[in-house]
Each structure stands twice: as C-alpha cells, then as structure tokens.
Amino acid sequence: MLTRAEMENALIQLDRRLTAIEQILQPLRKDVATLKADVAVLKADVAGLKLDFSNLRGAVSGLQRDVSGLQRDVASLAGEMREGQRELLHAVAHLTHRLEVSGVI
C-alpha cells in the first residue's frame, strides 16, 4: 500500500498531467467551436444548392418542353412550306400550260 507521501506525490503528478492536458485542449475547444460554425455554414450552403438544383431541374424540364414544342412547330412549318411549294409549282405549271395553249409563249 502507498504511503501518504507517495499518494500526495501521485496526486501532484496527476494534477500536472491534467493541467498539461487542459492546456492542450483549450485551443482545440476553440477549433471545435469554429469547426461547428463552419459545418453550420456548409449545411446552409448545401441546402441552398439543393434548392438551386431543384429550380434548375424545373427550368431544364420547362426548356425541354419548349424545345419539343418548337421542334413540332418547325416540322409543321416545314410541311406547310413543302405544301406551299407544291401548290406554287402546280399553279406555275397550270399557268404555263394555259399561256402555251393560248399562244402567248
């Protein structure tokens, strides 16, 4: 069993070690607090990015619908132009024939 002096010496050694540990931990406590604040900011940033991504996804979906509509419109206009060209060529051929028959050309 330890004597009173040995126990006091052990307690003094333990107190010194605890003081050294506290000195090491003090700056770490501030670092941990800073890291917690940084994490909170990052969480807010991530939430903002998620919202931005969701908005972009909606915008892209809207653009895809617009592009599909434009593609249908272009296809329809191309068909109308082809039909108009056919009608014009038919009219020119008919007019040419009538002019030939009447002896104008």
Protein backbone atom coordinates (compact mmCIF):
# COMPACT_ATOMS: atom_id res chain seq x y z
CA MET A 1 0.00 0.00 0.00
CA LEU A 2 1.15 3.55 -0.74
CA THR A 3 2.27 5.88 1.95
CA ARG A 4 0.68 9.25 2.45
CA ALA A 5 3.66 10.99 0.82
CA GLU A 6 3.55 8.65 -2.20
CA MET A 7 -0.18 9.26 -2.59
CA GLU A 8 0.35 13.03 -2.40
CA ASN A 9 3.18 12.77 -4.94
CA ALA A 10 0.97 10.68 -7.24
CA LEU A 11 -1.84 13.24 -6.93
CA ILE A 12 0.60 16.07 -7.70
CA GLN A 13 1.83 14.18 -10.79
CA LEU A 14 -1.78 13.52 -11.83
CA ASP A 15 -2.67 17.20 -11.34
CA ARG A 16 0.32 18.25 -13.51
CA ARG A 17 -0.75 15.84 -16.23
CA LEU A 18 -4.33 17.10 -16.10
CA THR A 19 -3.08 20.69 -16.31
CA ALA A 20 -0.97 19.79 -19.35
CA ILE A 21 -3.94 18.08 -20.97
CA GLU A 22 -6.16 21.13 -20.25
CA GLN A 23 -3.55 23.38 -21.87
CA ILE A 24 -3.58 21.16 -24.95
CA LEU A 25 -7.38 21.00 -25.06
CA GLN A 26 -8.02 24.76 -24.65
CA PRO A 27 -7.02 25.69 -28.25
CA LEU A 28 -8.79 22.59 -29.52
CA ARG A 29 -12.01 23.75 -27.87
CA LYS A 30 -11.86 26.95 -29.90
CA ASP A 31 -11.05 24.95 -33.05
CA VAL A 32 -14.02 22.67 -32.41
CA ALA A 33 -16.31 25.68 -31.97
CA THR A 34 -15.01 27.14 -35.23
CA LEU A 35 -15.49 23.82 -36.99
CA LYS A 36 -19.08 23.60 -35.69
CA ALA A 37 -19.77 27.07 -37.07
CA ASP A 38 -18.19 26.10 -40.39
CA VAL A 39 -20.33 22.96 -40.54
CA ALA A 40 -23.45 25.03 -39.90
CA VAL A 41 -22.49 27.35 -42.77
CA LEU A 42 -21.80 24.36 -45.03
CA LYS A 43 -25.18 22.86 -44.15
CA ALA A 44 -26.87 26.11 -45.12
CA ASP A 45 -24.87 26.20 -48.36
CA VAL A 46 -25.83 22.62 -49.17
CA ALA A 47 -29.49 23.41 -48.52
CA GLY A 48 -29.20 26.40 -50.86
CA LEU A 49 -27.51 24.29 -53.51
CA LYS A 50 -30.24 21.66 -53.23
CA LEU A 51 -32.85 24.35 -53.78
CA ASP A 52 -30.89 25.78 -56.72
CA PHE A 53 -30.56 22.30 -58.22
CA SER A 54 -34.27 21.69 -57.83
CA ASN A 55 -35.01 25.02 -59.52
CA LEU A 56 -32.58 24.24 -62.33
CA ARG A 57 -34.16 20.84 -62.82
CA GLY A 58 -37.54 22.52 -63.15
CA ALA A 59 -36.13 25.07 -65.58
CA VAL A 60 -34.49 22.35 -67.69
CA SER A 61 -37.74 20.42 -67.76
CA GLY A 62 -39.54 23.57 -68.93
CA LEU A 63 -36.88 24.15 -71.59
CA GLN A 64 -37.22 20.57 -72.80
CA ARG A 65 -40.97 21.07 -73.17
CA ASP A 66 -40.34 24.35 -75.03
CA VAL A 67 -37.80 22.71 -77.34
CA SER A 68 -40.20 19.85 -78.07
CA GLY A 69 -42.91 22.39 -78.89
CA LEU A 70 -40.54 24.32 -81.13
CA GLN A 71 -39.49 21.13 -82.91
CA ARG A 72 -43.15 20.32 -83.58
CA ASP A 73 -43.71 23.87 -84.84
CA VAL A 74 -40.67 23.69 -87.15
CA ALA A 75 -41.80 20.32 -88.50
CA SER A 76 -45.28 21.70 -89.09
CA LEU A 77 -43.93 24.82 -90.82
CA ALA A 78 -41.62 22.69 -92.97
CA GLY A 79 -44.62 20.61 -94.04
CA GLU A 80 -46.63 23.75 -94.80
CA MET A 81 -43.72 25.14 -96.84
CA ARG A 82 -43.49 21.91 -98.85
CA GLU A 83 -47.22 22.01 -99.46
CA GLY A 84 -46.98 25.67 -100.46
CA GLN A 85 -44.14 24.89 -102.86
CA ARG A 86 -46.20 22.10 -104.43
CA GLU A 87 -49.17 24.40 -104.82
CA LEU A 88 -46.97 27.13 -106.30
CA LEU A 89 -45.31 24.73 -108.74
CA HIS A 90 -48.71 23.37 -109.71
CA ALA A 91 -50.01 26.91 -110.28
CA VAL A 92 -46.94 27.84 -112.35
CA ALA A 93 -47.31 24.66 -114.42
CA HIS A 94 -51.02 25.34 -114.92
CA LEU A 95 -50.36 28.97 -115.87
CA THR A 96 -47.55 27.96 -118.24
CA HIS A 97 -49.84 25.43 -119.89
CA ARG A 98 -52.62 28.00 -120.32
CA LEU A 99 -50.16 30.52 -121.78
CA GLU A 100 -48.84 27.88 -124.18
CA VAL A 101 -52.36 26.90 -125.20
CA SER A 102 -53.34 30.49 -125.77
CA GLY A 103 -50.16 31.06 -127.81
CA VAL A 104 -48.65 33.71 -125.55
CA ILE A 105 -45.46 31.75 -125.10
